[in-house]
Amino acid sequence: MKINYDREKDIMLVEVSRRQIDYAEEAGPIIVHFPKINILFC
């Protein structure tokens, strides 16, 4: 797992997989990216 925070943009990125992103969905104030095989890591 990799966590980054950008103070200028006030964005936190939590990367739990290195799989290529296929699509994204918005869940309230959070944007969740999904790989092609449709796995969400919790």
C-alpha atoms as a PDB file:
ATOM      1  CA  MET A   1       0.000   0.000   0.000  1.00  0.00           C
ATOM      2  CA  LYS A   2       1.187   3.496  -0.837  1.00  0.00           C
ATOM      3  CA  ILE A   3      -0.187   6.765   0.613  1.00  0.00           C
ATOM      4  CA  ASN A   4       0.574  10.249  -0.748  1.00  0.00           C
ATOM      5  CA  TYR A   5      -0.800  13.677   0.181  1.00  0.00           C
ATOM      6  CA  ASP A   6      -0.605  16.791  -2.011  1.00  0.00           C
ATOM      7  CA  ARG A   7      -0.904  19.900   0.226  1.00  0.00           C
ATOM      8  CA  GLU A   8      -1.350  22.285  -2.708  1.00  0.00           C
ATOM      9  CA  LYS A   9      -4.344  20.415  -4.110  1.00  0.00           C
ATOM     10  CA  ASP A  10      -5.521  18.987  -0.739  1.00  0.00           C
ATOM     11  CA  ILE A  11      -5.701  15.496  -2.229  1.00  0.00           C
ATOM     12  CA  MET A  12      -4.854  12.184  -0.549  1.00  0.00           C
ATOM     13  CA  LEU A  13      -4.040   9.208  -2.766  1.00  0.00           C
ATOM     14  CA  VAL A  14      -4.195   5.718  -1.259  1.00  0.00           C
ATOM     15  CA  GLU A  15      -2.886   3.128  -3.705  1.00  0.00           C
ATOM     16  CA  VAL A  16      -3.650  -0.473  -2.745  1.00  0.00           C
ATOM     17  CA  SER A  17      -2.871  -2.118  -6.086  1.00  0.00           C
ATOM     18  CA  ARG A  18      -0.616  -1.497  -9.042  1.00  0.00           C
ATOM     19  CA  ARG A  19      -3.193  -2.827 -11.517  1.00  0.00           C
ATOM     20  CA  GLN A  20      -4.079  -0.586 -14.455  1.00  0.00           C
ATOM     21  CA  ILE A  21      -7.153   1.594 -13.843  1.00  0.00           C
ATOM     22  CA  ASP A  22     -10.118   0.836 -16.105  1.00  0.00           C
ATOM     23  CA  TYR A  23     -12.793   3.175 -14.720  1.00  0.00           C
ATOM     24  CA  ALA A  24     -13.705   5.329 -11.701  1.00  0.00           C
ATOM     25  CA  GLU A  25     -16.824   5.904  -9.615  1.00  0.00           C
ATOM     26  CA  GLU A  26     -17.606   8.736  -7.229  1.00  0.00           C
ATOM     27  CA  ALA A  27     -18.690   7.706  -3.712  1.00  0.00           C
ATOM     28  CA  GLY A  28     -19.556  10.957  -1.925  1.00  0.00           C
ATOM     29  CA  PRO A  29     -16.353  12.991  -1.559  1.00  0.00           C
ATOM     30  CA  ILE A  30     -14.216   9.995  -2.633  1.00  0.00           C
ATOM     31  CA  ILE A  31     -13.303   8.841  -6.152  1.00  0.00           C
ATOM     32  CA  VAL A  32     -12.660   5.098  -6.356  1.00  0.00           C
ATOM     33  CA  HIS A  33     -10.697   3.652  -9.297  1.00  0.00           C
ATOM     34  CA  PHE A  34     -11.301   0.066 -10.400  1.00  0.00           C
ATOM     35  CA  PRO A  35      -9.220  -2.340 -12.517  1.00  0.00           C
ATOM     36  CA  LYS A  36     -10.773  -4.300 -15.400  1.00  0.00           C
ATOM     37  CA  ILE A  37     -11.471  -7.341 -13.232  1.00  0.00           C
ATOM     38  CA  ASN A  38     -13.759  -5.250 -10.952  1.00  0.00           C
ATOM     39  CA  ILE A  39     -12.082  -5.802  -7.566  1.00  0.00           C
ATOM     40  CA  LEU A  40     -12.479  -3.259  -4.781  1.00  0.00           C
ATOM     41  CA  PHE A  41      -9.892  -3.494  -2.024  1.00  0.00           C
ATOM     42  CA  CYS A  42     -11.203  -2.502   1.423  1.00  0.00           C
END
